Amino acid sequence: MKYEYVKNRVAGAVFELCTGAGDVRSRLLSAHTEISMLVENQFPNELLGLWHEIHRMLTKHGAALDFEGKISEGAVSNTLRKIKNSTGVKIAKKLYELHKQLQSHH
């Protein structure tokens, strides 16, 4: 029961990946809304590395700035707009692996 909230949020993200509209990048953006509020102390220690890797991949390009230096687009949407679909598939696979590990071991 300790990890139930995380399990449900990650399961919701995987559901979005499986059923959402658009290519994998669009579905990852929807999936991210399911997991965006999760913080590392909610995860089992052995899955923190995978969680950090997913987060790092989703925010690789950082936020987009306008001509005044203000954020015009968040890091996740900016990153997903710039990556190839094949990179999006790699992120989706890692998110599924996180889901599988949470479901089977916690």
PDB file of N, CA and C in Angstrom:
ATOM      1  N   MET A   1       0.813  -1.203   0.000  1.00  0.00           N
ATOM      2  CA  MET A   1       0.000   0.000   0.000  1.00  0.00           C
ATOM      3  C   MET A   1       0.857   1.268   0.000  1.00  0.00           C
ATOM      4  N   LYS A   2       2.097   1.138   0.435  1.00  0.00           N
ATOM      5  CA  LYS A   2       2.955   2.303   0.571  1.00  0.00           C
ATOM      6  C   LYS A   2       3.129   3.053  -0.749  1.00  0.00           C
ATOM      7  N   TYR A   3       3.205   2.347  -1.848  1.00  0.00           N
ATOM      8  CA  TYR A   3       3.479   2.968  -3.137  1.00  0.00           C
ATOM      9  C   TYR A   3       2.231   3.054  -4.025  1.00  0.00           C
ATOM     10  N   GLU A   4       1.073   2.922  -3.426  1.00  0.00           N
ATOM     11  CA  GLU A   4      -0.167   2.872  -4.203  1.00  0.00           C
ATOM     12  C   GLU A   4      -0.394   4.129  -5.052  1.00  0.00           C
ATOM     13  N   TYR A   5      -0.131   5.295  -4.486  1.00  0.00           N
ATOM     14  CA  TYR A   5      -0.327   6.549  -5.231  1.00  0.00           C
ATOM     15  C   TYR A   5       0.576   6.589  -6.467  1.00  0.00           C
ATOM     16  N   VAL A   6       1.845   6.261  -6.286  1.00  0.00           N
ATOM     17  CA  VAL A   6       2.793   6.256  -7.405  1.00  0.00           C
ATOM     18  C   VAL A   6       2.363   5.227  -8.442  1.00  0.00           C
ATOM     19  N   LYS A   7       1.983   4.048  -7.987  1.00  0.00           N
ATOM     20  CA  LYS A   7       1.550   3.002  -8.907  1.00  0.00           C
ATOM     21  C   LYS A   7       0.366   3.472  -9.741  1.00  0.00           C
ATOM     22  N   ASN A   8      -0.599   4.123  -9.123  1.00  0.00           N
ATOM     23  CA  ASN A   8      -1.785   4.600  -9.843  1.00  0.00           C
ATOM     24  C   ASN A   8      -1.437   5.692 -10.838  1.00  0.00           C
ATOM     25  N   ARG A   9      -0.556   6.626 -10.454  1.00  0.00           N
ATOM     26  CA  ARG A   9      -0.180   7.714 -11.360  1.00  0.00           C
ATOM     27  C   ARG A   9       0.591   7.174 -12.566  1.00  0.00           C
ATOM     28  N   VAL A  10       1.518   6.268 -12.317  1.00  0.00           N
ATOM     29  CA  VAL A  10       2.301   5.689 -13.410  1.00  0.00           C
ATOM     30  C   VAL A  10       1.399   4.831 -14.304  1.00  0.00           C
ATOM     31  N   ALA A  11       0.471   4.102 -13.699  1.00  0.00           N
ATOM     32  CA  ALA A  11      -0.482   3.315 -14.497  1.00  0.00           C
ATOM     33  C   ALA A  11      -1.329   4.237 -15.369  1.00  0.00           C
ATOM     34  N   GLY A  12      -1.721   5.384 -14.837  1.00  0.00           N
ATOM     35  CA  GLY A  12      -2.470   6.355 -15.635  1.00  0.00           C
ATOM     36  C   GLY A  12      -1.652   6.875 -16.806  1.00  0.00           C
ATOM     37  N   ALA A  13      -0.359   7.083 -16.582  1.00  0.00           N
ATOM     38  CA  ALA A  13       0.525   7.538 -17.658  1.00  0.00           C
ATOM     39  C   ALA A  13       0.642   6.471 -18.746  1.00  0.00           C
ATOM     40  N   VAL A  14       0.774   5.221 -18.345  1.00  0.00           N
ATOM     41  CA  VAL A  14       0.861   4.128 -19.312  1.00  0.00           C
ATOM     42  C   VAL A  14      -0.450   4.004 -20.088  1.00  0.00           C
ATOM     43  N   PHE A  15      -1.572   4.198 -19.412  1.00  0.00           N
ATOM     44  CA  PHE A  15      -2.868   4.186 -20.096  1.00  0.00           C
ATOM     45  C   PHE A  15      -2.914   5.270 -21.172  1.00  0.00           C
ATOM     46  N   GLU A  16      -2.436   6.459 -20.844  1.00  0.00           N
ATOM     47  CA  GLU A  16      -2.390   7.552 -21.835  1.00  0.00           C
ATOM     48  C   GLU A  16      -1.504   7.183 -23.013  1.00  0.00           C
ATOM     49  N   LEU A  17      -0.376   6.544 -22.738  1.00  0.00           N
ATOM     50  CA  LEU A  17       0.521   6.120 -23.821  1.00  0.00           C
ATOM     51  C   LEU A  17      -0.155   5.118 -24.746  1.00  0.00           C
ATOM     52  N   CYS A  18      -0.965   4.250 -24.171  1.00  0.00           N
ATOM     53  CA  CYS A  18      -1.616   3.202 -24.958  1.00  0.00           C
ATOM     54  C   CYS A  18      -2.848   3.684 -25.712  1.00  0.00           C
ATOM     55  N   THR A  19      -3.571   4.634 -25.153  1.00  0.00           N
ATOM     56  CA  THR A  19      -4.873   4.983 -25.717  1.00  0.00           C
ATOM     57  C   THR A  19      -4.968   6.407 -26.255  1.00  0.00           C
ATOM     58  N   GLY A  20      -3.989   7.233 -25.969  1.00  0.00           N
ATOM     59  CA  GLY A  20      -4.050   8.632 -26.381  1.00  0.00           C
ATOM     60  C   GLY A  20      -3.950   8.813 -27.886  1.00  0.00           C
ATOM     61  N   ALA A  21      -4.366   9.985 -28.322  1.00  0.00           N
ATOM     62  CA  ALA A  21      -4.321  10.320 -29.748  1.00  0.00           C
ATOM     63  C   ALA A  21      -2.938  10.843 -30.128  1.00  0.00           C
ATOM     64  N   GLY A  22      -2.614  10.722 -31.400  1.00  0.00           N
ATOM     65  CA  GLY A  22      -1.386  11.294 -31.917  1.00  0.00           C
ATOM     66  C   GLY A  22      -0.202  10.346 -31.847  1.00  0.00           C
ATOM     67  N   ASP A  23       0.959  10.889 -32.215  1.00  0.00           N
ATOM     68  CA  ASP A  23       2.171  10.079 -32.168  1.00  0.00           C
ATOM     69  C   ASP A  23       2.657   9.942 -30.726  1.00  0.00           C
ATOM     70  N   VAL A  24       3.738   9.219 -30.544  1.00  0.00           N
ATOM     71  CA  VAL A  24       4.205   8.930 -29.184  1.00  0.00           C
ATOM     72  C   VAL A  24       4.569  10.206 -28.434  1.00  0.00           C
ATOM     73  N   ARG A  25       5.041  11.226 -29.132  1.00  0.00           N
ATOM     74  CA  ARG A  25       5.395  12.473 -28.449  1.00  0.00           C
ATOM     75  C   ARG A  25       4.160  13.153 -27.882  1.00  0.00           C
ATOM     76  N   SER A  26       3.086  13.141 -28.611  1.00  0.00           N
ATOM     77  CA  SER A  26       1.823  13.711 -28.126  1.00  0.00           C
ATOM     78  C   SER A  26       1.307  12.924 -26.933  1.00  0.00           C
ATOM     79  N   ARG A  27       1.392  11.608 -27.029  1.00  0.00           N
ATOM     80  CA  ARG A  27       0.927  10.758 -25.938  1.00  0.00           C
ATOM     81  C   ARG A  27       1.803  10.902 -24.704  1.00  0.00           C
ATOM     82  N   LEU A  28       3.106  11.113 -24.902  1.00  0.00           N
ATOM     83  CA  LEU A  28       3.992  11.339 -23.754  1.00  0.00           C
ATOM     84  C   LEU A  28       3.649  12.637 -23.041  1.00  0.00           C
ATOM     85  N   LEU A  29       3.257  13.648 -23.780  1.00  0.00           N
ATOM     86  CA  LEU A  29       2.864  14.906 -23.150  1.00  0.00           C
ATOM     87  C   LEU A  29       1.635  14.683 -22.275  1.00  0.00           C
ATOM     88  N   SER A  30       0.665  13.930 -22.771  1.00  0.00           N
ATOM     89  CA  SER A  30      -0.516  13.598 -21.966  1.00  0.00           C
ATOM     90  C   SER A  30      -0.141  12.724 -20.781  1.00  0.00           C
ATOM     91  N   ALA A  31       0.744  11.768 -21.003  1.00  0.00           N
ATOM     92  CA  ALA A  31       1.188  10.880 -19.926  1.00  0.00           C
ATOM     93  C   ALA A  31       1.909  11.673 -18.847  1.00  0.00           C
ATOM     94  N   HIS A  32       2.651  12.679 -19.258  1.00  0.00           N
ATOM     95  CA  HIS A  32       3.403  13.480 -18.286  1.00  0.00           C
ATOM     96  C   HIS A  32       2.471  14.181 -17.303  1.00  0.00           C
ATOM     97  N   THR A  33       1.281  14.556 -17.739  1.00  0.00           N
ATOM     98  CA  THR A  33       0.348  15.203 -16.811  1.00  0.00           C
ATOM     99  C   THR A  33      -0.028  14.265 -15.671  1.00  0.00           C
ATOM    100  N   GLU A  34       0.028  12.953 -15.930  1.00  0.00           N
ATOM    101  CA  GLU A  34      -0.289  11.962 -14.892  1.00  0.00           C
ATOM    102  C   GLU A  34       0.824  11.830 -13.861  1.00  0.00           C
ATOM    103  N   ILE A  35       2.052  12.080 -14.270  1.00  0.00           N
ATOM    104  CA  ILE A  35       3.189  11.838 -13.374  1.00  0.00           C
ATOM    105  C   ILE A  35       3.924  13.106 -12.946  1.00  0.00           C
ATOM    106  N   SER A  36       3.505  14.242 -13.429  1.00  0.00           N
ATOM    107  CA  SER A  36       4.254  15.485 -13.188  1.00  0.00           C
ATOM    108  C   SER A  36       4.321  15.878 -11.717  1.00  0.00           C
ATOM    109  N   MET A  37       3.378  15.455 -10.922  1.00  0.00           N
ATOM    110  CA  MET A  37       3.370  15.845  -9.507  1.00  0.00           C
ATOM    111  C   MET A  37       4.105  14.858  -8.602  1.00  0.00           C
ATOM    112  N   LEU A  38       4.636  13.795  -9.181  1.00  0.00           N
ATOM    113  CA  LEU A  38       5.361  12.819  -8.376  1.00  0.00           C
ATOM    114  C   LEU A  38       6.745  13.349  -8.000  1.00  0.00           C
ATOM    115  N   VAL A  39       7.161  13.029  -6.790  1.00  0.00           N
ATOM    116  CA  VAL A  39       8.491  13.426  -6.316  1.00  0.00           C
ATOM    117  C   VAL A  39       9.258  12.177  -5.891  1.00  0.00           C
ATOM    118  N   GLU A  40      10.567  12.292  -5.854  1.00  0.00           N
ATOM    119  CA  GLU A  40      11.395  11.108  -5.676  1.00  0.00           C
ATOM    120  C   GLU A  40      11.175  10.367  -4.365  1.00  0.00           C
ATOM    121  N   ASN A  41      10.791  11.057  -3.292  1.00  0.00           N
ATOM    122  CA  ASN A  41      10.609  10.334  -2.024  1.00  0.00           C
ATOM    123  C   ASN A  41       9.351   9.459  -2.024  1.00  0.00           C
ATOM    124  N   GLN A  42       8.584   9.496  -3.098  1.00  0.00           N
ATOM    125  CA  GLN A  42       7.411   8.630  -3.217  1.00  0.00           C
ATOM    126  C   GLN A  42       7.745   7.281  -3.864  1.00  0.00           C
ATOM    127  N   PHE A  43       8.967   7.165  -4.390  1.00  0.00           N
ATOM    128  CA  PHE A  43       9.386   5.966  -5.113  1.00  0.00           C
ATOM    129  C   PHE A  43      10.230   5.049  -4.236  1.00  0.00           C
ATOM    130  N   PRO A  44      10.197   3.756  -4.513  1.00  0.00           N
ATOM    131  CA  PRO A  44      11.142   2.852  -3.854  1.00  0.00           C
ATOM    132  C   PRO A  44      12.561   3.222  -4.300  1.00  0.00           C
ATOM    133  N   ASN A  45      13.508   3.110  -3.412  1.00  0.00           N
ATOM    134  CA  ASN A  45      14.891   3.503  -3.714  1.00  0.00           C
ATOM    135  C   ASN A  45      15.442   2.831  -4.964  1.00  0.00           C
ATOM    136  N   GLU A  46      15.123   1.566  -5.157  1.00  0.00           N
ATOM    137  CA  GLU A  46      15.689   0.844  -6.294  1.00  0.00           C
ATOM    138  C   GLU A  46      15.139   1.308  -7.643  1.00  0.00           C
ATOM    139  N   LEU A  47      14.081   2.099  -7.641  1.00  0.00           N
ATOM    140  CA  LEU A  47      13.515   2.606  -8.902  1.00  0.00           C
ATOM    141  C   LEU A  47      13.820   4.088  -9.142  1.00  0.00           C
ATOM    142  N   LEU A  48      14.523   4.708  -8.221  1.00  0.00           N
ATOM    143  CA  LEU A  48      14.840   6.133  -8.374  1.00  0.00           C
ATOM    144  C   LEU A  48      15.684   6.416  -9.613  1.00  0.00           C
ATOM    145  N   GLY A  49      16.646   5.552  -9.901  1.00  0.00           N
ATOM    146  CA  GLY A  49      17.486   5.758 -11.086  1.00  0.00           C
ATOM    147  C   GLY A  49      16.660   5.782 -12.360  1.00  0.00           C
ATOM    148  N   LEU A  50      15.724   4.866 -12.485  1.00  0.00           N
ATOM    149  CA  LEU A  50      14.854   4.807 -13.659  1.00  0.00           C
ATOM    150  C   LEU A  50      13.950   6.029 -13.711  1.00  0.00           C
ATOM    151  N   TRP A  51      13.399   6.446 -12.580  1.00  0.00           N
ATOM    152  CA  TRP A  51      12.564   7.645 -12.516  1.00  0.00           C
ATOM    153  C   TRP A  51      13.361   8.877 -12.951  1.00  0.00           C
ATOM    154  N   HIS A  52      14.575   9.023 -12.448  1.00  0.00           N
ATOM    155  CA  HIS A  52      15.421  10.163 -12.821  1.00  0.00           C
ATOM    156  C   HIS A  52      15.751  10.147 -14.316  1.00  0.00           C
ATOM    157  N   GLU A  53      16.012   8.961 -14.850  1.00  0.00           N
ATOM    158  CA  GLU A  53      16.327   8.845 -16.267  1.00  0.00           C
ATOM    159  C   GLU A  53      15.143   9.280 -17.136  1.00  0.00           C
ATOM    160  N   ILE A  54      13.955   8.852 -16.774  1.00  0.00           N
ATOM    161  CA  ILE A  54      12.749   9.260 -17.515  1.00  0.00           C
ATOM    162  C   ILE A  54      12.585  10.770 -17.449  1.00  0.00           C
ATOM    163  N   HIS A  55      12.705  11.319 -16.260  1.00  0.00           N
ATOM    164  CA  HIS A  55      12.562  12.774 -16.091  1.00  0.00           C
ATOM    165  C   HIS A  55      13.626  13.524 -16.898  1.00  0.00           C
ATOM    166  N   ARG A  56      14.845  13.041 -16.852  1.00  0.00           N
ATOM    167  CA  ARG A  56      15.942  13.675 -17.589  1.00  0.00           C
ATOM    168  C   ARG A  56      15.666  13.652 -19.097  1.00  0.00           C
ATOM    169  N   MET A  57      15.183  12.532 -19.591  1.00  0.00           N
ATOM    170  CA  MET A  57      14.889  12.417 -21.020  1.00  0.00           C
ATOM    171  C   MET A  57      13.730  13.331 -21.428  1.00  0.00           C
ATOM    172  N   LEU A  58      12.741  13.462 -20.548  1.00  0.00           N
ATOM    173  CA  LEU A  58      11.578  14.306 -20.856  1.00  0.00           C
ATOM    174  C   LEU A  58      11.888  15.798 -20.805  1.00  0.00           C
ATOM    175  N   THR A  59      12.954  16.180 -20.133  1.00  0.00           N
ATOM    176  CA  THR A  59      13.273  17.607 -19.965  1.00  0.00           C
ATOM    177  C   THR A  59      14.634  17.971 -20.562  1.00  0.00           C
ATOM    178  N   LYS A  60      15.157  17.142 -21.414  1.00  0.00           N
ATOM    179  CA  LYS A  60      16.517  17.291 -21.955  1.00  0.00           C
ATOM    180  C   LYS A  60      16.801  18.684 -22.519  1.00  0.00           C
ATOM    181  N   HIS A  61      15.879  19.253 -23.253  1.00  0.00           N
ATOM    182  CA  HIS A  61      16.119  20.526 -23.929  1.00  0.00           C
ATOM    183  C   HIS A  61      15.742  21.746 -23.092  1.00  0.00           C
ATOM    184  N   GLY A  62      15.219  21.519 -21.905  1.00  0.00           N
ATOM    185  CA  GLY A  62      14.853  22.630 -21.031  1.00  0.00           C
ATOM    186  C   GLY A  62      13.697  23.449 -21.576  1.00  0.00           C
ATOM    187  N   ALA A  63      13.364  24.482 -20.851  1.00  0.00           N
ATOM    188  CA  ALA A  63      12.263  25.369 -21.257  1.00  0.00           C
ATOM    189  C   ALA A  63      12.701  26.256 -22.416  1.00  0.00           C
ATOM    190  N   ALA A  64      11.752  26.625 -23.266  1.00  0.00           N
ATOM    191  CA  ALA A  64      12.020  27.564 -24.354  1.00  0.00           C
ATOM    192  C   ALA A  64      11.813  28.978 -23.836  1.00  0.00           C
ATOM    193  N   LEU A  65      12.693  29.877 -24.229  1.00  0.00           N
ATOM    194  CA  LEU A  65      12.607  31.269 -23.789  1.00  0.00           C
ATOM    195  C   LEU A  65      12.221  32.166 -24.945  1.00  0.00           C
ATOM    196  N   ASP A  66      11.473  33.227 -24.647  1.00  0.00           N
ATOM    197  CA  ASP A  66      11.129  34.198 -25.683  1.00  0.00           C
ATOM    198  C   ASP A  66      12.238  35.247 -25.792  1.00  0.00           C
ATOM    199  N   PHE A  67      12.014  36.260 -26.618  1.00  0.00           N
ATOM    200  CA  PHE A  67      13.043  37.272 -26.858  1.00  0.00           C
ATOM    201  C   PHE A  67      13.377  38.093 -25.618  1.00  0.00           C
ATOM    202  N   GLU A  68      12.510  38.080 -24.604  1.00  0.00           N
ATOM    203  CA  GLU A  68      12.775  38.793 -23.358  1.00  0.00           C
ATOM    204  C   GLU A  68      13.414  37.890 -22.302  1.00  0.00           C
ATOM    205  N   GLY A  69      13.645  36.650 -22.653  1.00  0.00           N
ATOM    206  CA  GLY A  69      14.233  35.711 -21.713  1.00  0.00           C
ATOM    207  C   GLY A  69      13.232  35.062 -20.775  1.00  0.00           C
ATOM    208  N   LYS A  70      11.959  35.245 -21.051  1.00  0.00           N
ATOM    209  CA  LYS A  70      10.911  34.630 -20.236  1.00  0.00           C
ATOM    210  C   LYS A  70      10.527  33.282 -20.830  1.00  0.00           C
ATOM    211  N   ILE A  71      10.093  32.382 -19.955  1.00  0.00           N
ATOM    212  CA  ILE A  71       9.708  31.044 -20.418  1.00  0.00           C
ATOM    213  C   ILE A  71       8.470  31.144 -21.298  1.00  0.00           C
ATOM    214  N   SER A  72       8.600  30.628 -22.508  1.00  0.00           N
ATOM    215  CA  SER A  72       7.470  30.618 -23.437  1.00  0.00           C
ATOM    216  C   SER A  72       6.885  29.222 -23.619  1.00  0.00           C
ATOM    217  N   GLU A  73       7.646  28.224 -23.204  1.00  0.00           N
ATOM    218  CA  GLU A  73       7.184  26.839 -23.309  1.00  0.00           C
ATOM    219  C   GLU A  73       7.932  26.021 -22.263  1.00  0.00           C
ATOM    220  N   GLY A  74       7.221  25.144 -21.593  1.00  0.00           N
ATOM    221  CA  GLY A  74       7.826  24.322 -20.556  1.00  0.00           C
ATOM    222  C   GLY A  74       8.844  23.329 -21.103  1.00  0.00           C
ATOM    223  N   ALA A  75       9.672  22.812 -20.219  1.00  0.00           N
ATOM    224  CA  ALA A  75      10.763  21.918 -20.611  1.00  0.00           C
ATOM    225  C   ALA A  75      10.261  20.640 -21.283  1.00  0.00           C
ATOM    226  N   VAL A  76       9.182  20.067 -20.767  1.00  0.00           N
ATOM    227  CA  VAL A  76       8.686  18.811 -21.329  1.00  0.00           C
ATOM    228  C   VAL A  76       8.122  19.029 -22.726  1.00  0.00           C
ATOM    229  N   SER A  77       7.254  20.007 -22.892  1.00  0.00           N
ATOM    230  CA  SER A  77       6.664  20.222 -24.225  1.00  0.00           C
ATOM    231  C   SER A  77       7.727  20.673 -25.227  1.00  0.00           C
ATOM    232  N   ASN A  78       8.693  21.486 -24.786  1.00  0.00           N
ATOM    233  CA  ASN A  78       9.777  21.902 -25.675  1.00  0.00           C
ATOM    234  C   ASN A  78      10.621  20.703 -26.091  1.00  0.00           C
ATOM    235  N   THR A  79      10.944  19.841 -25.144  1.00  0.00           N
ATOM    236  CA  THR A  79      11.740  18.652 -25.446  1.00  0.00           C
ATOM    237  C   THR A  79      10.990  17.725 -26.397  1.00  0.00           C
ATOM    238  N   LEU A  80       9.721  17.472 -26.109  1.00  0.00           N
ATOM    239  CA  LEU A  80       8.947  16.556 -26.947  1.00  0.00           C
ATOM    240  C   LEU A  80       8.744  17.108 -28.351  1.00  0.00           C
ATOM    241  N   ARG A  81       8.732  18.407 -28.488  1.00  0.00           N
ATOM    242  CA  ARG A  81       8.607  19.022 -29.815  1.00  0.00           C
ATOM    243  C   ARG A  81       9.892  18.827 -30.621  1.00  0.00           C
ATOM    244  N   LYS A  82      11.028  18.707 -29.944  1.00  0.00           N
ATOM    245  CA  LYS A  82      12.322  18.644 -30.624  1.00  0.00           C
ATOM    246  C   LYS A  82      12.841  17.231 -30.875  1.00  0.00           C
ATOM    247  N   ILE A  83      12.379  16.256 -30.113  1.00  0.00           N
ATOM    248  CA  ILE A  83      12.932  14.912 -30.259  1.00  0.00           C
ATOM    249  C   ILE A  83      12.291  14.166 -31.419  1.00  0.00           C
ATOM    250  N   LYS A  84      12.969  13.119 -31.867  1.00  0.00           N
ATOM    251  CA  LYS A  84      12.426  12.241 -32.894  1.00  0.00           C
ATOM    252  C   LYS A  84      11.406  11.303 -32.260  1.00  0.00           C
ATOM    253  N   ASN A  85      10.526  10.781 -33.084  1.00  0.00           N
ATOM    254  CA  ASN A  85       9.542   9.822 -32.615  1.00  0.00           C
ATOM    255  C   ASN A  85      10.230   8.599 -32.006  1.00  0.00           C
ATOM    256  N   SER A  86      11.350   8.181 -32.576  1.00  0.00           N
ATOM    257  CA  SER A  86      12.073   7.012 -32.058  1.00  0.00           C
ATOM    258  C   SER A  86      12.599   7.263 -30.643  1.00  0.00           C
ATOM    259  N   THR A  87      12.992   8.485 -30.337  1.00  0.00           N
ATOM    260  CA  THR A  87      13.417   8.827 -28.978  1.00  0.00           C
ATOM    261  C   THR A  87      12.220   8.783 -28.036  1.00  0.00           C
ATOM    262  N   GLY A  88      11.078   9.237 -28.527  1.00  0.00           N
ATOM    263  CA  GLY A  88       9.847   9.162 -27.739  1.00  0.00           C
ATOM    264  C   GLY A  88       9.493   7.725 -27.395  1.00  0.00           C
ATOM    265  N   VAL A  89       9.718   6.829 -28.326  1.00  0.00           N
ATOM    266  CA  VAL A  89       9.454   5.404 -28.076  1.00  0.00           C
ATOM    267  C   VAL A  89      10.364   4.895 -26.965  1.00  0.00           C
ATOM    268  N   LYS A  90      11.622   5.317 -26.946  1.00  0.00           N
ATOM    269  CA  LYS A  90      12.553   4.902 -25.887  1.00  0.00           C
ATOM    270  C   LYS A  90      12.060   5.381 -24.519  1.00  0.00           C
ATOM    271  N   ILE A  91      11.576   6.612 -24.462  1.00  0.00           N
ATOM    272  CA  ILE A  91      11.048   7.142 -23.199  1.00  0.00           C
ATOM    273  C   ILE A  91       9.817   6.346 -22.776  1.00  0.00           C
ATOM    274  N   ALA A  92       8.940   6.063 -23.724  1.00  0.00           N
ATOM    275  CA  ALA A  92       7.725   5.294 -23.429  1.00  0.00           C
ATOM    276  C   ALA A  92       8.072   3.904 -22.897  1.00  0.00           C
ATOM    277  N   LYS A  93       9.082   3.275 -23.467  1.00  0.00           N
ATOM    278  CA  LYS A  93       9.499   1.955 -22.993  1.00  0.00           C
ATOM    279  C   LYS A  93      10.007   2.025 -21.554  1.00  0.00           C
ATOM    280  N   LYS A  94      10.740   3.075 -21.231  1.00  0.00           N
ATOM    281  CA  LYS A  94      11.243   3.238 -19.866  1.00  0.00           C
ATOM    282  C   LYS A  94      10.093   3.475 -18.886  1.00  0.00           C
ATOM    283  N   LEU A  95       9.115   4.238 -19.309  1.00  0.00           N
ATOM    284  CA  LEU A  95       7.949   4.475 -18.470  1.00  0.00           C
ATOM    285  C   LEU A  95       7.178   3.171 -18.251  1.00  0.00           C
ATOM    286  N   TYR A  96       7.076   2.372 -19.289  1.00  0.00           N
ATOM    287  CA  TYR A  96       6.422   1.070 -19.140  1.00  0.00           C
ATOM    288  C   TYR A  96       7.223   0.175 -18.196  1.00  0.00           C
ATOM    289  N   GLU A  97       8.549   0.206 -18.304  1.00  0.00           N
ATOM    290  CA  GLU A  97       9.397  -0.597 -17.411  1.00  0.00           C
ATOM    291  C   GLU A  97       9.200  -0.180 -15.956  1.00  0.00           C
ATOM    292  N   LEU A  98       9.101   1.130 -15.722  1.00  0.00           N
ATOM    293  CA  LEU A  98       8.833   1.631 -14.377  1.00  0.00           C
ATOM    294  C   LEU A  98       7.501   1.085 -13.872  1.00  0.00           C
ATOM    295  N   HIS A  99       6.493   1.153 -14.716  1.00  0.00           N
ATOM    296  CA  HIS A  99       5.163   0.626 -14.380  1.00  0.00           C
ATOM    297  C   HIS A  99       5.242  -0.866 -14.030  1.00  0.00           C
ATOM    298  N   LYS A 100       5.923  -1.629 -14.871  1.00  0.00           N
ATOM    299  CA  LYS A 100       6.034  -3.063 -14.663  1.00  0.00           C
ATOM    300  C   LYS A 100       6.739  -3.381 -13.340  1.00  0.00           C
ATOM    301  N   GLN A 101       7.811  -2.675 -13.054  1.00  0.00           N
ATOM    302  CA  GLN A 101       8.549  -2.886 -11.809  1.00  0.00           C
ATOM    303  C   GLN A 101       7.686  -2.531 -10.587  1.00  0.00           C
ATOM    304  N   LEU A 102       6.967  -1.429 -10.665  1.00  0.00           N
ATOM    305  CA  LEU A 102       6.087  -1.032  -9.553  1.00  0.00           C
ATOM    306  C   LEU A 102       5.002  -2.073  -9.318  1.00  0.00           C
ATOM    307  N   GLN A 103       4.418  -2.574 -10.383  1.00  0.00           N
ATOM    308  CA  GLN A 103       3.328  -3.530 -10.261  1.00  0.00           C
ATOM    309  C   GLN A 103       3.792  -4.880  -9.737  1.00  0.00           C
ATOM    310  N   SER A 104       4.968  -5.307 -10.141  1.00  0.00           N
ATOM    311  CA  SER A 104       5.388  -6.664  -9.782  1.00  0.00           C
ATOM    312  C   SER A 104       6.148  -6.762  -8.465  1.00  0.00           C
ATOM    313  N   HIS A 105       6.758  -5.656  -8.021  1.00  0.00           N
ATOM    314  CA  HIS A 105       7.599  -5.744  -6.822  1.00  0.00           C
ATOM    315  C   HIS A 105       7.118  -4.891  -5.660  1.00  0.00           C
ATOM    316  N   HIS A 106       6.115  -4.098  -5.874  1.00  0.00           N
ATOM    317  CA  HIS A 106       5.712  -3.176  -4.788  1.00  0.00           C
ATOM    318  C   HIS A 106       4.217  -3.133  -4.684  1.00  0.00           C
TER     319      HIS A 106
END
